[in-house]
């Protein structure tokens, strides 16, 4: 089911890194995310709810939104 908040997400299993792109265009990387969390996120009916309850504020992260050129 499409999300009204999350545009897309990708997981790097080798680095346990989850990259989430929001519909606002902001991109964040979450670190030390177990593969089981990613798998559950992938199959969650509500990506936004799952993200808010199981990922946000649970893993270290940083914003990696690409800068727009002037």
C-alpha atoms as a PDB file:
ATOM      1  CA  UNK A   1       0.000   0.000   0.000  1.00  0.00           C
ATOM      2  CA  UNK A   2       1.415   3.444  -0.892  1.00  0.00           C
ATOM      3  CA  UNK A   3       2.334   5.721   1.976  1.00  0.00           C
ATOM      4  CA  UNK A   4       1.365   9.372   2.285  1.00  0.00           C
ATOM      5  CA  UNK A   5       4.601  10.056   4.192  1.00  0.00           C
ATOM      6  CA  UNK A   6       7.269   7.687   2.851  1.00  0.00           C
ATOM      7  CA  UNK A   7       8.146   7.859  -0.831  1.00  0.00           C
ATOM      8  CA  UNK A   8      10.679   5.009  -0.899  1.00  0.00           C
ATOM      9  CA  UNK A   9      13.186   3.103   1.203  1.00  0.00           C
ATOM     10  CA  UNK A  10      16.195   0.897   0.612  1.00  0.00           C
ATOM     11  CA  UNK A  11      18.206  -1.407   2.812  1.00  0.00           C
ATOM     12  CA  UNK A  12      21.906  -2.187   2.665  1.00  0.00           C
ATOM     13  CA  UNK A  13      22.242  -5.557   4.373  1.00  0.00           C
ATOM     14  CA  UNK A  14      26.063  -5.428   4.486  1.00  0.00           C
ATOM     15  CA  UNK A  15      25.995  -2.209   6.529  1.00  0.00           C
ATOM     16  CA  UNK A  16      22.579  -2.673   8.228  1.00  0.00           C
ATOM     17  CA  UNK A  17      21.659   0.760   6.866  1.00  0.00           C
ATOM     18  CA  UNK A  18      18.117   1.783   6.006  1.00  0.00           C
ATOM     19  CA  UNK A  19      17.703   4.791   3.718  1.00  0.00           C
ATOM     20  CA  UNK A  20      14.279   6.427   3.802  1.00  0.00           C
ATOM     21  CA  UNK A  21      13.067   9.070   1.365  1.00  0.00           C
ATOM     22  CA  UNK A  22      10.036  10.999   2.553  1.00  0.00           C
ATOM     23  CA  UNK A  23       7.418  12.576   0.314  1.00  0.00           C
ATOM     24  CA  UNK A  24       8.852  15.965   1.304  1.00  0.00           C
ATOM     25  CA  UNK A  25      12.068  14.993  -0.513  1.00  0.00           C
ATOM     26  CA  UNK A  26      14.121  14.696   2.670  1.00  0.00           C
ATOM     27  CA  UNK A  27      16.354  11.624   2.864  1.00  0.00           C
ATOM     28  CA  UNK A  28      17.620   9.987   6.059  1.00  0.00           C
ATOM     29  CA  UNK A  29      19.924   7.064   6.750  1.00  0.00           C
ATOM     30  CA  UNK A  30      19.279   4.889   9.804  1.00  0.00           C
ATOM     31  CA  UNK A  31      22.146   2.776  11.110  1.00  0.00           C
ATOM     32  CA  UNK A  32      22.371  -0.616  12.831  1.00  0.00           C
ATOM     33  CA  UNK A  33      18.887  -1.557  11.641  1.00  0.00           C
ATOM     34  CA  UNK A  34      18.435  -5.335  11.898  1.00  0.00           C
ATOM     35  CA  UNK A  35      17.343  -7.177   8.767  1.00  0.00           C
ATOM     36  CA  UNK A  36      14.250  -8.357  10.670  1.00  0.00           C
ATOM     37  CA  UNK A  37      13.118  -4.763  11.193  1.00  0.00           C
ATOM     38  CA  UNK A  38      13.594  -4.023   7.499  1.00  0.00           C
ATOM     39  CA  UNK A  39      11.634  -7.144   6.525  1.00  0.00           C
ATOM     40  CA  UNK A  40       8.772  -6.155   8.830  1.00  0.00           C
ATOM     41  CA  UNK A  41       8.858  -2.586   7.491  1.00  0.00           C
ATOM     42  CA  UNK A  42       8.644  -3.896   3.932  1.00  0.00           C
ATOM     43  CA  UNK A  43       5.508  -5.895   4.684  1.00  0.00           C
ATOM     44  CA  UNK A  44       3.824  -3.413   7.041  1.00  0.00           C
ATOM     45  CA  UNK A  45       0.400  -2.264   5.892  1.00  0.00           C
ATOM     46  CA  UNK A  46       1.084   1.253   7.180  1.00  0.00           C
ATOM     47  CA  UNK A  47       4.672   2.256   6.461  1.00  0.00           C
ATOM     48  CA  UNK A  48       4.253   5.558   8.324  1.00  0.00           C
ATOM     49  CA  UNK A  49       2.924   3.925  11.489  1.00  0.00           C
ATOM     50  CA  UNK A  50       5.604   1.242  11.429  1.00  0.00           C
ATOM     51  CA  UNK A  51       8.308   3.837  10.875  1.00  0.00           C
ATOM     52  CA  UNK A  52       7.076   6.000  13.753  1.00  0.00           C
ATOM     53  CA  UNK A  53       6.749   3.142  16.224  1.00  0.00           C
ATOM     54  CA  UNK A  54       9.659   0.854  15.298  1.00  0.00           C
ATOM     55  CA  UNK A  55      12.341   2.930  13.545  1.00  0.00           C
ATOM     56  CA  UNK A  56      12.115   6.633  14.379  1.00  0.00           C
ATOM     57  CA  UNK A  57      13.930   7.400  17.639  1.00  0.00           C
ATOM     58  CA  UNK A  58      15.159   3.788  17.868  1.00  0.00           C
ATOM     59  CA  UNK A  59      18.256   3.913  15.676  1.00  0.00           C
ATOM     60  CA  UNK A  60      21.063   6.416  15.087  1.00  0.00           C
ATOM     61  CA  UNK A  61      20.491   8.444  11.949  1.00  0.00           C
ATOM     62  CA  UNK A  62      21.567  11.392   9.879  1.00  0.00           C
ATOM     63  CA  UNK A  63      19.942  13.455   7.174  1.00  0.00           C
ATOM     64  CA  UNK A  64      21.537  12.925   3.742  1.00  0.00           C
ATOM     65  CA  UNK A  65      19.159  14.966   1.592  1.00  0.00           C
ATOM     66  CA  UNK A  66      21.033  16.033  -1.535  1.00  0.00           C
ATOM     67  CA  UNK A  67      21.592  19.772  -1.735  1.00  0.00           C
ATOM     68  CA  UNK A  68      19.922  21.579  -4.589  1.00  0.00           C
ATOM     69  CA  UNK A  69      22.190  23.434  -6.933  1.00  0.00           C
ATOM     70  CA  UNK A  70      21.761  27.173  -7.199  1.00  0.00           C
END
